[in-house]
Amino acid sequence: MSRKIAYRVKNWSEYNRGLINRGNVTVWFSQDAIDGWSSKLTRKGRGRPQEYSDAAIECCLVLRSLFHLTLRATQGFVEGMIHLLELDISAPDYTLLSKRSGNLKVSLRALASKDPV
């Protein structure tokens, strides 16, 4: 068996700041995301038109996957973020997330990089 590599910390203030920043969650909505939150598609035929765009549903599903949330908790999390940011949009409910998640392919390859999601 291979041994675990031991690292010697030399810069304690930087190390401590890194541990503190692990709990820092910064979330924002760009103006493009807010503008594209509502669906612009018109429905042909019977049925109600979609209220939320695919991008809005994908955003919620990525947050769900990122924080390991249930659908109901995802709805509450997104509602809380919208309230804190004082945005004039609404969050899709958990049943809509469940129905629309089957039609969307959410790729989480960006999570492997260090770029913000």
PDB file of N, CA and C in Angstrom:
ATOM      1  N   MET A   1       0.847  -1.182   0.000  1.00  0.00           N
ATOM      2  CA  MET A   1       0.000   0.000   0.000  1.00  0.00           C
ATOM      3  C   MET A   1       0.883   1.232   0.000  1.00  0.00           C
ATOM      4  N   SER A   2       0.392   2.246  -0.686  1.00  0.00           N
ATOM      5  CA  SER A   2       1.156   3.494  -0.726  1.00  0.00           C
ATOM      6  C   SER A   2       0.865   4.310   0.527  1.00  0.00           C
ATOM      7  N   ARG A   3       1.863   5.050   0.955  1.00  0.00           N
ATOM      8  CA  ARG A   3       1.714   5.874   2.145  1.00  0.00           C
ATOM      9  C   ARG A   3       1.149   7.231   1.769  1.00  0.00           C
ATOM     10  N   LYS A   4       0.417   7.815   2.672  1.00  0.00           N
ATOM     11  CA  LYS A   4      -0.122   9.139   2.457  1.00  0.00           C
ATOM     12  C   LYS A   4       1.013  10.154   2.527  1.00  0.00           C
ATOM     13  N   ILE A   5       1.009  11.105   1.568  1.00  0.00           N
ATOM     14  CA  ILE A   5       2.056  12.113   1.523  1.00  0.00           C
ATOM     15  C   ILE A   5       1.753  13.179   2.571  1.00  0.00           C
ATOM     16  N   ALA A   6       2.719  13.471   3.397  1.00  0.00           N
ATOM     17  CA  ALA A   6       2.556  14.505   4.428  1.00  0.00           C
ATOM     18  C   ALA A   6       3.118  15.817   3.903  1.00  0.00           C
ATOM     19  N   TYR A   7       2.315  16.857   4.023  1.00  0.00           N
ATOM     20  CA  TYR A   7       2.751  18.188   3.606  1.00  0.00           C
ATOM     21  C   TYR A   7       3.020  19.030   4.835  1.00  0.00           C
ATOM     22  N   ARG A   8       4.055  19.806   4.787  1.00  0.00           N
ATOM     23  CA  ARG A   8       4.386  20.697   5.885  1.00  0.00           C
ATOM     24  C   ARG A   8       3.868  22.082   5.544  1.00  0.00           C
ATOM     25  N   VAL A   9       3.010  22.605   6.425  1.00  0.00           N
ATOM     26  CA  VAL A   9       2.447  23.935   6.220  1.00  0.00           C
ATOM     27  C   VAL A   9       3.485  24.958   6.621  1.00  0.00           C
ATOM     28  N   LYS A  10       3.768  25.882   5.688  1.00  0.00           N
ATOM     29  CA  LYS A  10       4.757  26.910   5.961  1.00  0.00           C
ATOM     30  C   LYS A  10       4.131  28.293   6.116  1.00  0.00           C
ATOM     31  N   ASN A  11       2.987  28.505   5.498  1.00  0.00           N
ATOM     32  CA  ASN A  11       2.323  29.796   5.576  1.00  0.00           C
ATOM     33  C   ASN A  11       0.964  29.596   6.253  1.00  0.00           C
ATOM     34  N   TRP A  12       0.952  29.686   7.572  1.00  0.00           N
ATOM     35  CA  TRP A  12      -0.241  29.362   8.330  1.00  0.00           C
ATOM     36  C   TRP A  12      -1.392  30.327   8.069  1.00  0.00           C
ATOM     37  N   SER A  13      -1.103  31.600   7.853  1.00  0.00           N
ATOM     38  CA  SER A  13      -2.195  32.548   7.615  1.00  0.00           C
ATOM     39  C   SER A  13      -2.895  32.248   6.289  1.00  0.00           C
ATOM     40  N   GLU A  14      -2.147  31.886   5.257  1.00  0.00           N
ATOM     41  CA  GLU A  14      -2.744  31.527   3.976  1.00  0.00           C
ATOM     42  C   GLU A  14      -3.520  30.214   4.088  1.00  0.00           C
ATOM     43  N   TYR A  15      -2.956  29.262   4.819  1.00  0.00           N
ATOM     44  CA  TYR A  15      -3.621  27.988   5.031  1.00  0.00           C
ATOM     45  C   TYR A  15      -4.940  28.179   5.782  1.00  0.00           C
ATOM     46  N   ASN A  16      -4.910  28.997   6.823  1.00  0.00           N
ATOM     47  CA  ASN A  16      -6.108  29.273   7.603  1.00  0.00           C
ATOM     48  C   ASN A  16      -7.164  29.970   6.744  1.00  0.00           C
ATOM     49  N   ARG A  17      -6.751  30.938   5.931  1.00  0.00           N
ATOM     50  CA  ARG A  17      -7.679  31.648   5.047  1.00  0.00           C
ATOM     51  C   ARG A  17      -8.306  30.680   4.059  1.00  0.00           C
ATOM     52  N   GLY A  18      -7.538  29.726   3.556  1.00  0.00           N
ATOM     53  CA  GLY A  18      -8.066  28.718   2.640  1.00  0.00           C
ATOM     54  C   GLY A  18      -9.119  27.843   3.295  1.00  0.00           C
ATOM     55  N   LEU A  19      -8.905  27.462   4.554  1.00  0.00           N
ATOM     56  CA  LEU A  19      -9.904  26.668   5.275  1.00  0.00           C
ATOM     57  C   LEU A  19     -11.181  27.459   5.507  1.00  0.00           C
ATOM     58  N   ILE A  20     -11.030  28.742   5.811  1.00  0.00           N
ATOM     59  CA  ILE A  20     -12.206  29.587   6.026  1.00  0.00           C
ATOM     60  C   ILE A  20     -12.976  29.756   4.714  1.00  0.00           C
ATOM     61  N   ASN A  21     -12.270  29.936   3.610  1.00  0.00           N
ATOM     62  CA  ASN A  21     -12.923  30.157   2.317  1.00  0.00           C
ATOM     63  C   ASN A  21     -13.657  28.934   1.792  1.00  0.00           C
ATOM     64  N   ARG A  22     -13.406  27.767   2.354  1.00  0.00           N
ATOM     65  CA  ARG A  22     -14.155  26.579   1.943  1.00  0.00           C
ATOM     66  C   ARG A  22     -15.644  26.746   2.198  1.00  0.00           C
ATOM     67  N   GLY A  23     -15.988  27.486   3.233  1.00  0.00           N
ATOM     68  CA  GLY A  23     -17.393  27.690   3.563  1.00  0.00           C
ATOM     69  C   GLY A  23     -18.009  28.901   2.905  1.00  0.00           C
ATOM     70  N   ASN A  24     -17.242  29.634   2.127  1.00  0.00           N
ATOM     71  CA  ASN A  24     -17.742  30.840   1.477  1.00  0.00           C
ATOM     72  C   ASN A  24     -18.457  30.468   0.186  1.00  0.00           C
ATOM     73  N   VAL A  25     -19.744  30.730   0.133  1.00  0.00           N
ATOM     74  CA  VAL A  25     -20.532  30.446  -1.055  1.00  0.00           C
ATOM     75  C   VAL A  25     -21.001  31.784  -1.628  1.00  0.00           C
ATOM     76  N   THR A  26     -20.495  32.128  -2.785  1.00  0.00           N
ATOM     77  CA  THR A  26     -20.902  33.358  -3.447  1.00  0.00           C
ATOM     78  C   THR A  26     -21.777  32.996  -4.629  1.00  0.00           C
ATOM     79  N   VAL A  27     -22.994  33.496  -4.618  1.00  0.00           N
ATOM     80  CA  VAL A  27     -23.940  33.200  -5.685  1.00  0.00           C
ATOM     81  C   VAL A  27     -24.470  34.513  -6.222  1.00  0.00           C
ATOM     82  N   TRP A  28     -24.541  34.626  -7.525  1.00  0.00           N
ATOM     83  CA  TRP A  28     -25.129  35.802  -8.148  1.00  0.00           C
ATOM     84  C   TRP A  28     -25.805  35.370  -9.428  1.00  0.00           C
ATOM     85  N   PHE A  29     -26.715  36.201  -9.880  1.00  0.00           N
ATOM     86  CA  PHE A  29     -27.379  35.994 -11.152  1.00  0.00           C
ATOM     87  C   PHE A  29     -26.949  37.120 -12.079  1.00  0.00           C
ATOM     88  N   SER A  30     -26.427  36.779 -13.235  1.00  0.00           N
ATOM     89  CA  SER A  30     -26.069  37.810 -14.205  1.00  0.00           C
ATOM     90  C   SER A  30     -27.354  38.378 -14.796  1.00  0.00           C
ATOM     91  N   GLN A  31     -27.260  39.550 -15.386  1.00  0.00           N
ATOM     92  CA  GLN A  31     -28.444  40.159 -15.995  1.00  0.00           C
ATOM     93  C   GLN A  31     -28.960  39.312 -17.149  1.00  0.00           C
ATOM     94  N   ASP A  32     -28.053  38.641 -17.867  1.00  0.00           N
ATOM     95  CA  ASP A  32     -28.476  37.745 -18.944  1.00  0.00           C
ATOM     96  C   ASP A  32     -29.299  36.581 -18.403  1.00  0.00           C
ATOM     97  N   ALA A  33     -28.899  36.050 -17.250  1.00  0.00           N
ATOM     98  CA  ALA A  33     -29.636  34.947 -16.646  1.00  0.00           C
ATOM     99  C   ALA A  33     -31.014  35.402 -16.174  1.00  0.00           C
ATOM    100  N   ILE A  34     -31.090  36.591 -15.612  1.00  0.00           N
ATOM    101  CA  ILE A  34     -32.380  37.116 -15.148  1.00  0.00           C
ATOM    102  C   ILE A  34     -33.304  37.363 -16.346  1.00  0.00           C
ATOM    103  N   ASP A  35     -32.749  37.954 -17.414  1.00  0.00           N
ATOM    104  CA  ASP A  35     -33.549  38.221 -18.610  1.00  0.00           C
ATOM    105  C   ASP A  35     -34.023  36.926 -19.272  1.00  0.00           C
ATOM    106  N   GLY A  36     -33.232  35.877 -19.202  1.00  0.00           N
ATOM    107  CA  GLY A  36     -33.580  34.605 -19.836  1.00  0.00           C
ATOM    108  C   GLY A  36     -34.287  33.633 -18.919  1.00  0.00           C
ATOM    109  N   TRP A  37     -34.684  34.053 -17.717  1.00  0.00           N
ATOM    110  CA  TRP A  37     -35.317  33.164 -16.744  1.00  0.00           C
ATOM    111  C   TRP A  37     -36.690  32.690 -17.233  1.00  0.00           C
ATOM    112  N   SER A  38     -37.459  33.601 -17.808  1.00  0.00           N
ATOM    113  CA  SER A  38     -38.783  33.252 -18.324  1.00  0.00           C
ATOM    114  C   SER A  38     -38.653  32.721 -19.739  1.00  0.00           C
ATOM    115  N   SER A  39     -39.525  31.784 -20.061  1.00  0.00           N
ATOM    116  CA  SER A  39     -39.493  31.185 -21.382  1.00  0.00           C
ATOM    117  C   SER A  39     -40.094  32.140 -22.398  1.00  0.00           C
ATOM    118  N   LYS A  40     -39.469  32.248 -23.532  1.00  0.00           N
ATOM    119  CA  LYS A  40     -39.960  33.094 -24.621  1.00  0.00           C
ATOM    120  C   LYS A  40     -40.703  32.277 -25.673  1.00  0.00           C
ATOM    121  N   LEU A  41     -40.737  30.968 -25.493  1.00  0.00           N
ATOM    122  CA  LEU A  41     -41.357  30.089 -26.479  1.00  0.00           C
ATOM    123  C   LEU A  41     -42.873  30.161 -26.393  1.00  0.00           C
ATOM    124  N   THR A  42     -43.507  30.147 -27.542  1.00  0.00           N
ATOM    125  CA  THR A  42     -44.962  30.045 -27.579  1.00  0.00           C
ATOM    126  C   THR A  42     -45.310  28.610 -27.913  1.00  0.00           C
ATOM    127  N   ARG A  43     -46.347  28.138 -27.315  1.00  0.00           N
ATOM    128  CA  ARG A  43     -46.724  26.745 -27.508  1.00  0.00           C
ATOM    129  C   ARG A  43     -47.707  26.633 -28.659  1.00  0.00           C
ATOM    130  N   LYS A  44     -47.487  25.685 -29.534  1.00  0.00           N
ATOM    131  CA  LYS A  44     -48.415  25.417 -30.624  1.00  0.00           C
ATOM    132  C   LYS A  44     -49.300  24.259 -30.209  1.00  0.00           C
ATOM    133  N   GLY A  45     -50.564  24.409 -30.399  1.00  0.00           N
ATOM    134  CA  GLY A  45     -51.480  23.344 -30.032  1.00  0.00           C
ATOM    135  C   GLY A  45     -52.015  23.539 -28.623  1.00  0.00           C
ATOM    136  N   ARG A  46     -52.396  22.447 -28.014  1.00  0.00           N
ATOM    137  CA  ARG A  46     -53.020  22.493 -26.700  1.00  0.00           C
ATOM    138  C   ARG A  46     -51.983  22.586 -25.595  1.00  0.00           C
ATOM    139  N   GLY A  47     -52.438  23.071 -24.467  1.00  0.00           N
ATOM    140  CA  GLY A  47     -51.583  23.108 -23.291  1.00  0.00           C
ATOM    141  C   GLY A  47     -51.118  24.502 -22.943  1.00  0.00           C
ATOM    142  N   ARG A  48     -50.648  24.620 -21.757  1.00  0.00           N
ATOM    143  CA  ARG A  48     -50.183  25.902 -21.240  1.00  0.00           C
ATOM    144  C   ARG A  48     -48.749  26.152 -21.688  1.00  0.00           C
ATOM    145  N   PRO A  49     -48.415  27.394 -22.042  1.00  0.00           N
ATOM    146  CA  PRO A  49     -47.027  27.662 -22.435  1.00  0.00           C
ATOM    147  C   PRO A  49     -46.076  27.544 -21.242  1.00  0.00           C
ATOM    148  N   GLN A  50     -44.824  27.269 -21.530  1.00  0.00           N
ATOM    149  CA  GLN A  50     -43.837  27.132 -20.464  1.00  0.00           C
ATOM    150  C   GLN A  50     -43.582  28.489 -19.817  1.00  0.00           C
ATOM    151  N   GLU A  51     -43.527  28.480 -18.486  1.00  0.00           N
ATOM    152  CA  GLU A  51     -43.262  29.709 -17.751  1.00  0.00           C
ATOM    153  C   GLU A  51     -41.767  29.954 -17.589  1.00  0.00           C
ATOM    154  N   TYR A  52     -40.992  28.880 -17.430  1.00  0.00           N
ATOM    155  CA  TYR A  52     -39.556  28.983 -17.183  1.00  0.00           C
ATOM    156  C   TYR A  52     -38.773  28.447 -18.370  1.00  0.00           C
ATOM    157  N   SER A  53     -37.661  29.089 -18.669  1.00  0.00           N
ATOM    158  CA  SER A  53     -36.808  28.642 -19.767  1.00  0.00           C
ATOM    159  C   SER A  53     -36.029  27.397 -19.351  1.00  0.00           C
ATOM    160  N   ASP A  54     -35.453  26.738 -20.340  1.00  0.00           N
ATOM    161  CA  ASP A  54     -34.604  25.578 -20.053  1.00  0.00           C
ATOM    162  C   ASP A  54     -33.400  25.989 -19.216  1.00  0.00           C
ATOM    163  N   ALA A  55     -32.898  27.201 -19.437  1.00  0.00           N
ATOM    164  CA  ALA A  55     -31.741  27.680 -18.670  1.00  0.00           C
ATOM    165  C   ALA A  55     -32.093  27.815 -17.191  1.00  0.00           C
ATOM    166  N   ALA A  56     -33.304  28.255 -16.872  1.00  0.00           N
ATOM    167  CA  ALA A  56     -33.731  28.383 -15.476  1.00  0.00           C
ATOM    168  C   ALA A  56     -33.817  27.007 -14.816  1.00  0.00           C
ATOM    169  N   ILE A  57     -34.362  26.043 -15.533  1.00  0.00           N
ATOM    170  CA  ILE A  57     -34.476  24.679 -14.989  1.00  0.00           C
ATOM    171  C   ILE A  57     -33.080  24.084 -14.808  1.00  0.00           C
ATOM    172  N   GLU A  58     -32.204  24.288 -15.794  1.00  0.00           N
ATOM    173  CA  GLU A  58     -30.832  23.784 -15.675  1.00  0.00           C
ATOM    174  C   GLU A  58     -30.110  24.412 -14.488  1.00  0.00           C
ATOM    175  N   CYS A  59     -30.304  25.692 -14.277  1.00  0.00           N
ATOM    176  CA  CYS A  59     -29.682  26.379 -13.141  1.00  0.00           C
ATOM    177  C   CYS A  59     -30.100  25.716 -11.830  1.00  0.00           C
ATOM    178  N   CYS A  60     -31.386  25.466 -11.687  1.00  0.00           N
ATOM    179  CA  CYS A  60     -31.885  24.825 -10.461  1.00  0.00           C
ATOM    180  C   CYS A  60     -31.337  23.411 -10.307  1.00  0.00           C
ATOM    181  N   LEU A  61     -31.275  22.669 -11.399  1.00  0.00           N
ATOM    182  CA  LEU A  61     -30.777  21.290 -11.334  1.00  0.00           C
ATOM    183  C   LEU A  61     -29.283  21.230 -11.040  1.00  0.00           C
ATOM    184  N   VAL A  62     -28.534  22.209 -11.534  1.00  0.00           N
ATOM    185  CA  VAL A  62     -27.103  22.252 -11.215  1.00  0.00           C
ATOM    186  C   VAL A  62     -26.919  22.549  -9.731  1.00  0.00           C
ATOM    187  N   LEU A  63     -27.693  23.493  -9.194  1.00  0.00           N
ATOM    188  CA  LEU A  63     -27.616  23.784  -7.759  1.00  0.00           C
ATOM    189  C   LEU A  63     -28.004  22.555  -6.940  1.00  0.00           C
ATOM    190  N   ARG A  64     -29.014  21.833  -7.420  1.00  0.00           N
ATOM    191  CA  ARG A  64     -29.438  20.612  -6.729  1.00  0.00           C
ATOM    192  C   ARG A  64     -28.301  19.600  -6.669  1.00  0.00           C
ATOM    193  N   SER A  65     -27.660  19.394  -7.808  1.00  0.00           N
ATOM    194  CA  SER A  65     -26.566  18.432  -7.869  1.00  0.00           C
ATOM    195  C   SER A  65     -25.352  18.903  -7.068  1.00  0.00           C
ATOM    196  N   LEU A  66     -25.053  20.183  -7.160  1.00  0.00           N
ATOM    197  CA  LEU A  66     -23.890  20.738  -6.489  1.00  0.00           C
ATOM    198  C   LEU A  66     -23.977  20.614  -4.972  1.00  0.00           C
ATOM    199  N   PHE A  67     -25.158  20.889  -4.417  1.00  0.00           N
ATOM    200  CA  PHE A  67     -25.334  20.871  -2.965  1.00  0.00           C
ATOM    201  C   PHE A  67     -26.038  19.609  -2.460  1.00  0.00           C
ATOM    202  N   HIS A  68     -26.270  18.634  -3.337  1.00  0.00           N
ATOM    203  CA  HIS A  68     -26.900  17.358  -2.968  1.00  0.00           C
ATOM    204  C   HIS A  68     -28.244  17.597  -2.272  1.00  0.00           C
ATOM    205  N   LEU A  69     -29.128  18.339  -2.942  1.00  0.00           N
ATOM    206  CA  LEU A  69     -30.422  18.700  -2.381  1.00  0.00           C
ATOM    207  C   LEU A  69     -31.525  17.831  -2.967  1.00  0.00           C
ATOM    208  N   THR A  70     -32.620  17.716  -2.223  1.00  0.00           N
ATOM    209  CA  THR A  70     -33.822  17.116  -2.779  1.00  0.00           C
ATOM    210  C   THR A  70     -34.506  18.176  -3.638  1.00  0.00           C
ATOM    211  N   LEU A  71     -35.523  17.777  -4.385  1.00  0.00           N
ATOM    212  CA  LEU A  71     -36.212  18.744  -5.243  1.00  0.00           C
ATOM    213  C   LEU A  71     -36.911  19.827  -4.416  1.00  0.00           C
ATOM    214  N   ARG A  72     -37.533  19.442  -3.310  1.00  0.00           N
ATOM    215  CA  ARG A  72     -38.194  20.438  -2.460  1.00  0.00           C
ATOM    216  C   ARG A  72     -37.174  21.400  -1.847  1.00  0.00           C
ATOM    217  N   ALA A  73     -36.045  20.870  -1.409  1.00  0.00           N
ATOM    218  CA  ALA A  73     -35.000  21.721  -0.838  1.00  0.00           C
ATOM    219  C   ALA A  73     -34.398  22.629  -1.907  1.00  0.00           C
ATOM    220  N   THR A  74     -34.323  22.139  -3.135  1.00  0.00           N
ATOM    221  CA  THR A  74     -33.831  22.967  -4.236  1.00  0.00           C
ATOM    222  C   THR A  74     -34.756  24.146  -4.469  1.00  0.00           C
ATOM    223  N   GLN A  75     -36.060  23.885  -4.457  1.00  0.00           N
ATOM    224  CA  GLN A  75     -37.023  24.976  -4.612  1.00  0.00           C
ATOM    225  C   GLN A  75     -36.845  26.010  -3.499  1.00  0.00           C
ATOM    226  N   GLY A  76     -36.707  25.561  -2.274  1.00  0.00           N
ATOM    227  CA  GLY A  76     -36.510  26.476  -1.158  1.00  0.00           C
ATOM    228  C   GLY A  76     -35.202  27.245  -1.250  1.00  0.00           C
ATOM    229  N   PHE A  77     -34.148  26.581  -1.686  1.00  0.00           N
ATOM    230  CA  PHE A  77     -32.841  27.226  -1.826  1.00  0.00           C
ATOM    231  C   PHE A  77     -32.895  28.333  -2.871  1.00  0.00           C
ATOM    232  N   VAL A  78     -33.501  28.035  -4.023  1.00  0.00           N
ATOM    233  CA  VAL A  78     -33.592  29.023  -5.101  1.00  0.00           C
ATOM    234  C   VAL A  78     -34.505  30.171  -4.684  1.00  0.00           C
ATOM    235  N   GLU A  79     -35.620  29.864  -4.013  1.00  0.00           N
ATOM    236  CA  GLU A  79     -36.496  30.929  -3.520  1.00  0.00           C
ATOM    237  C   GLU A  79     -35.757  31.831  -2.538  1.00  0.00           C
ATOM    238  N   GLY A  80     -34.948  31.244  -1.676  1.00  0.00           N
ATOM    239  CA  GLY A  80     -34.175  32.019  -0.714  1.00  0.00           C
ATOM    240  C   GLY A  80     -33.154  32.918  -1.393  1.00  0.00           C
ATOM    241  N   MET A  81     -32.466  32.387  -2.418  1.00  0.00           N
ATOM    242  CA  MET A  81     -31.495  33.201  -3.150  1.00  0.00           C
ATOM    243  C   MET A  81     -32.176  34.365  -3.857  1.00  0.00           C
ATOM    244  N   ILE A  82     -33.311  34.093  -4.485  1.00  0.00           N
ATOM    245  CA  ILE A  82     -34.042  35.141  -5.190  1.00  0.00           C
ATOM    246  C   ILE A  82     -34.497  36.217  -4.214  1.00  0.00           C
ATOM    247  N   HIS A  83     -34.941  35.790  -3.032  1.00  0.00           N
ATOM    248  CA  HIS A  83     -35.375  36.751  -2.016  1.00  0.00           C
ATOM    249  C   HIS A  83     -34.200  37.588  -1.505  1.00  0.00           C
ATOM    250  N   LEU A  84     -33.070  36.945  -1.217  1.00  0.00           N
ATOM    251  CA  LEU A  84     -31.900  37.668  -0.725  1.00  0.00           C
ATOM    252  C   LEU A  84     -31.346  38.656  -1.745  1.00  0.00           C
ATOM    253  N   LEU A  85     -31.381  38.270  -3.015  1.00  0.00           N
ATOM    254  CA  LEU A  85     -30.867  39.136  -4.069  1.00  0.00           C
ATOM    255  C   LEU A  85     -31.907  40.163  -4.538  1.00  0.00           C
ATOM    256  N   GLU A  86     -33.114  40.074  -3.976  1.00  0.00           N
ATOM    257  CA  GLU A  86     -34.217  40.988  -4.292  1.00  0.00           C
ATOM    258  C   GLU A  86     -34.476  41.057  -5.795  1.00  0.00           C
ATOM    259  N   LEU A  87     -34.593  39.884  -6.408  1.00  0.00           N
ATOM    260  CA  LEU A  87     -34.859  39.803  -7.836  1.00  0.00           C
ATOM    261  C   LEU A  87     -36.355  39.729  -8.087  1.00  0.00           C
ATOM    262  N   ASP A  88     -36.769  40.154  -9.259  1.00  0.00           N
ATOM    263  CA  ASP A  88     -38.178  40.152  -9.617  1.00  0.00           C
ATOM    264  C   ASP A  88     -38.497  38.940 -10.505  1.00  0.00           C
ATOM    265  N   ILE A  89     -38.096  37.759 -10.040  1.00  0.00           N
ATOM    266  CA  ILE A  89     -38.386  36.505 -10.718  1.00  0.00           C
ATOM    267  C   ILE A  89     -38.894  35.526  -9.675  1.00  0.00           C
ATOM    268  N   SER A  90     -39.466  34.430 -10.115  1.00  0.00           N
ATOM    269  CA  SER A  90     -39.931  33.413  -9.179  1.00  0.00           C
ATOM    270  C   SER A  90     -39.204  32.104  -9.447  1.00  0.00           C
ATOM    271  N   ALA A  91     -39.229  31.229  -8.462  1.00  0.00           N
ATOM    272  CA  ALA A  91     -38.547  29.941  -8.578  1.00  0.00           C
ATOM    273  C   ALA A  91     -39.532  28.881  -9.061  1.00  0.00           C
ATOM    274  N   PRO A  92     -39.073  27.982  -9.928  1.00  0.00           N
ATOM    275  CA  PRO A  92     -39.944  26.878 -10.338  1.00  0.00           C
ATOM    276  C   PRO A  92     -40.177  25.927  -9.161  1.00  0.00           C
ATOM    277  N   ASP A  93     -41.383  25.361  -9.091  1.00  0.00           N
ATOM    278  CA  ASP A  93     -41.639  24.452  -7.974  1.00  0.00           C
ATOM    279  C   ASP A  93     -41.047  23.073  -8.255  1.00  0.00           C
ATOM    280  N   TYR A  94     -41.003  22.259  -7.210  1.00  0.00           N
ATOM    281  CA  TYR A  94     -40.304  20.976  -7.293  1.00  0.00           C
ATOM    282  C   TYR A  94     -40.948  20.021  -8.286  1.00  0.00           C
ATOM    283  N   THR A  95     -42.273  20.088  -8.466  1.00  0.00           N
ATOM    284  CA  THR A  95     -42.907  19.179  -9.425  1.00  0.00           C
ATOM    285  C   THR A  95     -42.509  19.543 -10.848  1.00  0.00           C
ATOM    286  N   LEU A  96     -42.398  20.830 -11.132  1.00  0.00           N
ATOM    287  CA  LEU A  96     -41.963  21.258 -12.454  1.00  0.00           C
ATOM    288  C   LEU A  96     -40.512  20.850 -12.698  1.00  0.00           C
ATOM    289  N   LEU A  97     -39.662  20.996 -11.671  1.00  0.00           N
ATOM    290  CA  LEU A  97     -38.271  20.560 -11.808  1.00  0.00           C
ATOM    291  C   LEU A  97     -38.199  19.068 -12.116  1.00  0.00           C
ATOM    292  N   SER A  98     -39.046  18.295 -11.457  1.00  0.00           N
ATOM    293  CA  SER A  98     -39.061  16.854 -11.678  1.00  0.00           C
ATOM    294  C   SER A  98     -39.504  16.522 -13.100  1.00  0.00           C
ATOM    295  N   LYS A  99     -40.564  17.181 -13.565  1.00  0.00           N
ATOM    296  CA  LYS A  99     -41.081  16.897 -14.908  1.00  0.00           C
ATOM    297  C   LYS A  99     -40.101  17.318 -15.990  1.00  0.00           C
ATOM    298  N   ARG A 100     -39.518  18.494 -15.850  1.00  0.00           N
ATOM    299  CA  ARG A 100     -38.646  19.026 -16.892  1.00  0.00           C
ATOM    300  C   ARG A 100     -37.242  18.427 -16.846  1.00  0.00           C
ATOM    301  N   SER A 101     -36.852  17.828 -15.717  1.00  0.00           N
ATOM    302  CA  SER A 101     -35.501  17.267 -15.624  1.00  0.00           C
ATOM    303  C   SER A 101     -35.316  16.070 -16.545  1.00  0.00           C
ATOM    304  N   GLY A 102     -36.382  15.398 -16.878  1.00  0.00           N
ATOM    305  CA  GLY A 102     -36.277  14.246 -17.772  1.00  0.00           C
ATOM    306  C   GLY A 102     -35.924  14.631 -19.191  1.00  0.00           C
ATOM    307  N   ASN A 103     -36.266  15.861 -19.587  1.00  0.00           N
ATOM    308  CA  ASN A 103     -36.021  16.304 -20.963  1.00  0.00           C
ATOM    309  C   ASN A 103     -34.693  17.019 -21.131  1.00  0.00           C
ATOM    310  N   LEU A 104     -34.033  17.366 -20.029  1.00  0.00           N
ATOM    311  CA  LEU A 104     -32.797  18.138 -20.102  1.00  0.00           C
ATOM    312  C   LEU A 104     -31.607  17.276 -19.730  1.00  0.00           C
ATOM    313  N   LYS A 105     -30.512  17.521 -20.382  1.00  0.00           N
ATOM    314  CA  LYS A 105     -29.254  16.858 -20.047  1.00  0.00           C
ATOM    315  C   LYS A 105     -28.366  17.888 -19.366  1.00  0.00           C
ATOM    316  N   VAL A 106     -28.182  17.768 -18.056  1.00  0.00           N
ATOM    317  CA  VAL A 106     -27.359  18.706 -17.306  1.00  0.00           C
ATOM    318  C   VAL A 106     -25.958  18.132 -17.222  1.00  0.00           C
ATOM    319  N   SER A 107     -25.003  18.840 -17.806  1.00  0.00           N
ATOM    320  CA  SER A 107     -23.618  18.404 -17.811  1.00  0.00           C
ATOM    321  C   SER A 107     -22.863  19.125 -16.701  1.00  0.00           C
ATOM    322  N   LEU A 108     -22.223  18.371 -15.855  1.00  0.00           N
ATOM    323  CA  LEU A 108     -21.504  18.957 -14.724  1.00  0.00           C
ATOM    324  C   LEU A 108     -19.996  18.879 -14.932  1.00  0.00           C
ATOM    325  N   ARG A 109     -19.544  18.887 -16.181  1.00  0.00           N
ATOM    326  CA  ARG A 109     -18.116  18.860 -16.440  1.00  0.00           C
ATOM    327  C   ARG A 109     -17.426  20.107 -15.914  1.00  0.00           C
ATOM    328  N   ALA A 110     -18.141  21.218 -15.859  1.00  0.00           N
ATOM    329  CA  ALA A 110     -17.542  22.473 -15.383  1.00  0.00           C
ATOM    330  C   ALA A 110     -17.159  22.387 -13.902  1.00  0.00           C
ATOM    331  N   LEU A 111     -17.790  21.482 -13.161  1.00  0.00           N
ATOM    332  CA  LEU A 111     -17.470  21.355 -11.746  1.00  0.00           C
ATOM    333  C   LEU A 111     -16.068  20.809 -11.527  1.00  0.00           C
ATOM    334  N   ALA A 112     -15.528  20.112 -12.509  1.00  0.00           N
ATOM    335  CA  ALA A 112     -14.184  19.560 -12.354  1.00  0.00           C
ATOM    336  C   ALA A 112     -13.124  20.663 -12.466  1.00  0.00           C
ATOM    337  N   SER A 113     -13.441  21.748 -13.141  1.00  0.00           N
ATOM    338  CA  SER A 113     -12.471  22.835 -13.274  1.00  0.00           C
ATOM    339  C   SER A 113     -12.599  23.779 -12.084  1.00  0.00           C
ATOM    340  N   LYS A 114     -11.694  24.737 -11.997  1.00  0.00           N
ATOM    341  CA  LYS A 114     -11.717  25.687 -10.893  1.00  0.00           C
ATOM    342  C   LYS A 114     -12.473  26.962 -11.253  1.00  0.00           C
ATOM    343  N   ASP A 115     -13.061  27.009 -12.448  1.00  0.00           N
ATOM    344  CA  ASP A 115     -13.838  28.152 -12.858  1.00  0.00           C
ATOM    345  C   ASP A 115     -15.179  28.149 -12.149  1.00  0.00           C
ATOM    346  N   PRO A 116     -15.763  29.329 -11.897  1.00  0.00           N
ATOM    347  CA  PRO A 116     -17.087  29.367 -11.277  1.00  0.00           C
ATOM    348  C   PRO A 116     -18.129  28.729 -12.170  1.00  0.00           C
ATOM    349  N   VAL A 117     -19.122  28.140 -11.556  1.00  0.00           N
ATOM    350  CA  VAL A 117     -20.209  27.487 -12.284  1.00  0.00           C
ATOM    351  C   VAL A 117     -21.361  28.456 -12.378  1.00  0.00           C
TER     352      VAL A 117
END
